[in-house]
């Protein structure tokens, strides 16, 4: 769904006028929301998983397979995402 050009312009102007600290706070809040949504999806797909497994599955959404295997001994290709 696309937004009206006027709304897009207002949003961009608002972001440009925002203090860097407030922009960073907004980005942080959005990132936390994305993590919470991803965690909820993973918990729904893998009922009863441990907190550690949840964190590994979350990490595997952002990190490549080689890094996951080297750093955590977790192979997303074998264990799943």
N, C-alpha and C. Protein backbone atom coordinates (compact mmCIF):
# COMPACT_ATOMS: atom_id res chain seq x y z
N UNK A 1 0.84 -1.17 0.00
CA UNK A 1 0.00 0.00 0.00
C UNK A 1 0.89 1.24 0.00
N UNK A 2 0.59 2.15 -0.85
CA UNK A 2 1.39 3.36 -0.95
C UNK A 2 0.67 4.49 -0.23
N UNK A 3 1.48 5.39 0.31
CA UNK A 3 0.89 6.55 0.98
C UNK A 3 0.80 7.70 0.00
N UNK A 4 -0.04 8.63 0.31
CA UNK A 4 -0.20 9.83 -0.49
C UNK A 4 1.12 10.60 -0.51
N UNK A 5 1.47 11.18 -1.64
CA UNK A 5 2.73 11.93 -1.76
C UNK A 5 2.84 13.04 -0.72
N UNK A 6 1.74 13.68 -0.41
CA UNK A 6 1.77 14.75 0.58
C UNK A 6 2.17 14.21 1.95
N UNK A 7 1.64 13.04 2.29
CA UNK A 7 1.98 12.42 3.58
C UNK A 7 3.45 12.03 3.57
N UNK A 8 3.92 11.43 2.48
CA UNK A 8 5.34 11.07 2.38
C UNK A 8 6.22 12.30 2.61
N UNK A 9 5.87 13.40 1.96
CA UNK A 9 6.64 14.63 2.10
C UNK A 9 6.64 15.14 3.53
N UNK A 10 5.49 15.06 4.18
CA UNK A 10 5.39 15.51 5.57
C UNK A 10 6.27 14.64 6.48
N UNK A 11 6.25 13.32 6.22
CA UNK A 11 7.06 12.42 7.04
C UNK A 11 8.54 12.70 6.85
N UNK A 12 8.96 12.86 5.60
CA UNK A 12 10.37 13.13 5.32
C UNK A 12 10.80 14.45 5.94
N UNK A 13 9.96 15.47 5.83
CA UNK A 13 10.28 16.76 6.45
C UNK A 13 10.39 16.62 7.97
N UNK A 14 9.49 15.87 8.53
CA UNK A 14 9.53 15.64 9.98
C UNK A 14 10.81 14.93 10.41
N UNK A 15 11.21 13.90 9.65
CA UNK A 15 12.44 13.19 9.98
C UNK A 15 13.67 14.09 9.82
N UNK A 16 13.67 14.92 8.80
CA UNK A 16 14.80 15.84 8.60
C UNK A 16 14.92 16.87 9.71
N UNK A 17 13.79 17.28 10.24
CA UNK A 17 13.79 18.29 11.29
C UNK A 17 14.08 17.70 12.68
N UNK A 18 14.01 16.41 12.78
CA UNK A 18 14.17 15.73 14.07
C UNK A 18 15.62 15.81 14.56
N UNK A 19 15.78 15.98 15.84
CA UNK A 19 17.11 15.96 16.44
C UNK A 19 17.70 14.56 16.30
N UNK A 20 19.01 14.46 16.10
CA UNK A 20 19.64 13.14 15.94
C UNK A 20 19.31 12.17 17.07
N UNK A 21 19.28 12.68 18.30
CA UNK A 21 18.97 11.81 19.43
C UNK A 21 17.57 11.21 19.31
N UNK A 22 16.63 12.03 18.85
CA UNK A 22 15.25 11.54 18.71
C UNK A 22 15.16 10.55 17.55
N UNK A 23 15.89 10.81 16.45
CA UNK A 23 15.92 9.87 15.33
C UNK A 23 16.45 8.52 15.79
N UNK A 24 17.53 8.55 16.54
CA UNK A 24 18.13 7.32 17.03
C UNK A 24 17.16 6.57 17.94
N UNK A 25 16.45 7.30 18.77
CA UNK A 25 15.46 6.67 19.66
C UNK A 25 14.35 6.00 18.84
N UNK A 26 13.93 6.64 17.77
CA UNK A 26 12.88 6.07 16.92
C UNK A 26 13.38 4.82 16.22
N UNK A 27 14.60 4.87 15.69
CA UNK A 27 15.18 3.70 15.03
C UNK A 27 15.31 2.55 16.02
N UNK A 28 15.75 2.84 17.23
CA UNK A 28 15.87 1.82 18.26
C UNK A 28 14.51 1.21 18.59
N UNK A 29 13.50 2.04 18.73
CA UNK A 29 12.16 1.54 19.03
C UNK A 29 11.63 0.66 17.90
N UNK A 30 11.86 1.08 16.67
CA UNK A 30 11.41 0.27 15.53
C UNK A 30 12.16 -1.06 15.48
N UNK A 31 13.45 -1.05 15.77
CA UNK A 31 14.24 -2.28 15.78
C UNK A 31 13.74 -3.23 16.86
N UNK A 32 13.41 -2.70 18.03
CA UNK A 32 12.87 -3.53 19.10
C UNK A 32 11.54 -4.14 18.71
N UNK A 33 10.73 -3.38 18.01
CA UNK A 33 9.44 -3.90 17.54
C UNK A 33 9.65 -5.04 16.56
N UNK A 34 10.58 -4.87 15.63
CA UNK A 34 10.88 -5.93 14.66
C UNK A 34 11.36 -7.19 15.39
N UNK A 35 12.23 -7.04 16.38
CA UNK A 35 12.70 -8.19 17.15
C UNK A 35 11.55 -8.89 17.89
N UNK A 36 10.67 -8.10 18.49
CA UNK A 36 9.54 -8.70 19.21
C UNK A 36 8.61 -9.47 18.27
N UNK A 37 8.36 -8.89 17.10
CA UNK A 37 7.51 -9.58 16.12
C UNK A 37 8.17 -10.87 15.63
N UNK A 38 9.46 -10.81 15.35
CA UNK A 38 10.17 -12.01 14.91
C UNK A 38 10.17 -13.07 16.01
N UNK A 39 10.39 -12.67 17.24
CA UNK A 39 10.39 -13.61 18.37
C UNK A 39 9.01 -14.24 18.54
N UNK A 40 7.97 -13.47 18.38
CA UNK A 40 6.61 -14.01 18.51
C UNK A 40 6.35 -15.04 17.42
N UNK A 41 6.79 -14.75 16.20
CA UNK A 41 6.61 -15.71 15.10
C UNK A 41 7.37 -17.00 15.38
N UNK A 42 8.61 -16.88 15.84
CA UNK A 42 9.42 -18.06 16.13
C UNK A 42 8.79 -18.88 17.25
N UNK A 43 8.35 -18.23 18.31
CA UNK A 43 7.71 -18.96 19.43
C UNK A 43 6.45 -19.67 18.96
N UNK A 44 5.70 -19.05 18.06
CA UNK A 44 4.48 -19.67 17.54
C UNK A 44 4.83 -20.91 16.70
N UNK A 45 5.89 -20.81 15.90
CA UNK A 45 6.28 -21.92 15.04
C UNK A 45 6.96 -23.05 15.82
N UNK A 46 7.63 -22.72 16.92
CA UNK A 46 8.41 -23.69 17.68
C UNK A 46 7.97 -23.64 19.14
N UNK A 47 6.78 -24.13 19.39
CA UNK A 47 6.18 -24.08 20.72
C UNK A 47 7.09 -24.74 21.76
N UNK A 48 7.31 -24.05 22.86
CA UNK A 48 8.05 -24.61 23.98
C UNK A 48 9.57 -24.56 23.86
N UNK A 49 10.10 -23.78 22.91
CA UNK A 49 11.55 -23.71 22.79
C UNK A 49 12.15 -22.94 23.97
N UNK A 50 13.41 -23.20 24.22
CA UNK A 50 14.11 -22.51 25.31
C UNK A 50 14.44 -21.08 24.88
N UNK A 51 14.77 -20.25 25.86
CA UNK A 51 15.18 -18.87 25.56
C UNK A 51 16.44 -18.87 24.69
N UNK A 52 17.36 -19.80 24.96
CA UNK A 52 18.59 -19.88 24.17
C UNK A 52 18.28 -20.19 22.71
N UNK A 53 17.41 -21.16 22.49
CA UNK A 53 17.06 -21.51 21.11
C UNK A 53 16.36 -20.35 20.42
N UNK A 54 15.52 -19.65 21.14
CA UNK A 54 14.86 -18.47 20.57
C UNK A 54 15.90 -17.45 20.12
N UNK A 55 16.87 -17.18 20.98
CA UNK A 55 17.92 -16.21 20.62
C UNK A 55 18.74 -16.69 19.43
N UNK A 56 19.03 -17.97 19.36
CA UNK A 56 19.78 -18.51 18.23
C UNK A 56 18.98 -18.38 16.93
N UNK A 57 17.72 -18.70 17.01
CA UNK A 57 16.88 -18.57 15.81
C UNK A 57 16.74 -17.11 15.39
N UNK A 58 16.63 -16.21 16.35
CA UNK A 58 16.61 -14.78 16.01
C UNK A 58 17.92 -14.36 15.35
N UNK A 59 19.03 -14.76 15.94
CA UNK A 59 20.34 -14.40 15.40
C UNK A 59 20.50 -14.91 13.97
N UNK A 60 19.96 -16.10 13.71
CA UNK A 60 20.12 -16.69 12.38
C UNK A 60 19.35 -15.93 11.31
N UNK A 61 18.43 -15.06 11.72
CA UNK A 61 17.73 -14.21 10.75
C UNK A 61 18.63 -13.09 10.24
N UNK A 62 19.64 -12.71 11.03
CA UNK A 62 20.51 -11.59 10.67
C UNK A 62 21.93 -12.01 10.31
N UNK A 63 22.38 -13.12 10.84
CA UNK A 63 23.76 -13.55 10.62
C UNK A 63 23.81 -14.66 9.58
N UNK A 64 24.91 -14.71 8.83
CA UNK A 64 25.04 -15.76 7.83
C UNK A 64 25.35 -17.11 8.50
N UNK A 65 25.16 -18.18 7.74
CA UNK A 65 25.31 -19.53 8.26
C UNK A 65 26.70 -19.77 8.85
N UNK A 66 27.75 -19.37 8.14
CA UNK A 66 29.12 -19.62 8.63
C UNK A 66 29.36 -18.96 9.98
N UNK A 67 28.89 -17.74 10.14
CA UNK A 67 29.04 -17.05 11.42
C UNK A 67 28.27 -17.77 12.52
N UNK A 68 27.06 -18.20 12.22
CA UNK A 68 26.26 -18.92 13.22
C UNK A 68 26.97 -20.21 13.66
N UNK A 69 27.53 -20.94 12.71
CA UNK A 69 28.20 -22.19 13.05
C UNK A 69 29.47 -21.92 13.85
N UNK A 70 30.28 -20.95 13.39
CA UNK A 70 31.54 -20.63 14.07
C UNK A 70 31.31 -20.06 15.47
N UNK A 71 30.39 -19.13 15.58
CA UNK A 71 30.21 -18.42 16.85
C UNK A 71 29.37 -19.20 17.86
N UNK A 72 28.37 -19.93 17.37
CA UNK A 72 27.41 -20.53 18.29
C UNK A 72 27.24 -22.04 18.15
N UNK A 73 27.90 -22.63 17.13
CA UNK A 73 27.71 -24.05 16.90
C UNK A 73 26.29 -24.38 16.46
N UNK A 74 25.64 -23.43 15.83
CA UNK A 74 24.24 -23.55 15.39
C UNK A 74 24.20 -23.49 13.87
N UNK A 75 23.72 -24.53 13.24
CA UNK A 75 23.63 -24.57 11.79
C UNK A 75 22.18 -24.34 11.38
N UNK A 76 21.86 -23.15 10.89
CA UNK A 76 20.48 -22.85 10.49
C UNK A 76 19.97 -23.79 9.40
N UNK A 77 20.87 -24.28 8.54
CA UNK A 77 20.43 -25.21 7.50
C UNK A 77 19.94 -26.52 8.10
N UNK A 78 20.54 -26.93 9.19
CA UNK A 78 20.15 -28.18 9.85
C UNK A 78 19.04 -27.95 10.89
N UNK A 79 19.16 -26.89 11.67
CA UNK A 79 18.22 -26.63 12.77
C UNK A 79 16.99 -25.86 12.34
N UNK A 80 17.11 -25.11 11.27
CA UNK A 80 16.02 -24.27 10.82
C UNK A 80 16.15 -22.85 11.38
N UNK A 81 15.32 -21.99 10.88
CA UNK A 81 15.35 -20.59 11.30
C UNK A 81 14.35 -20.31 12.36
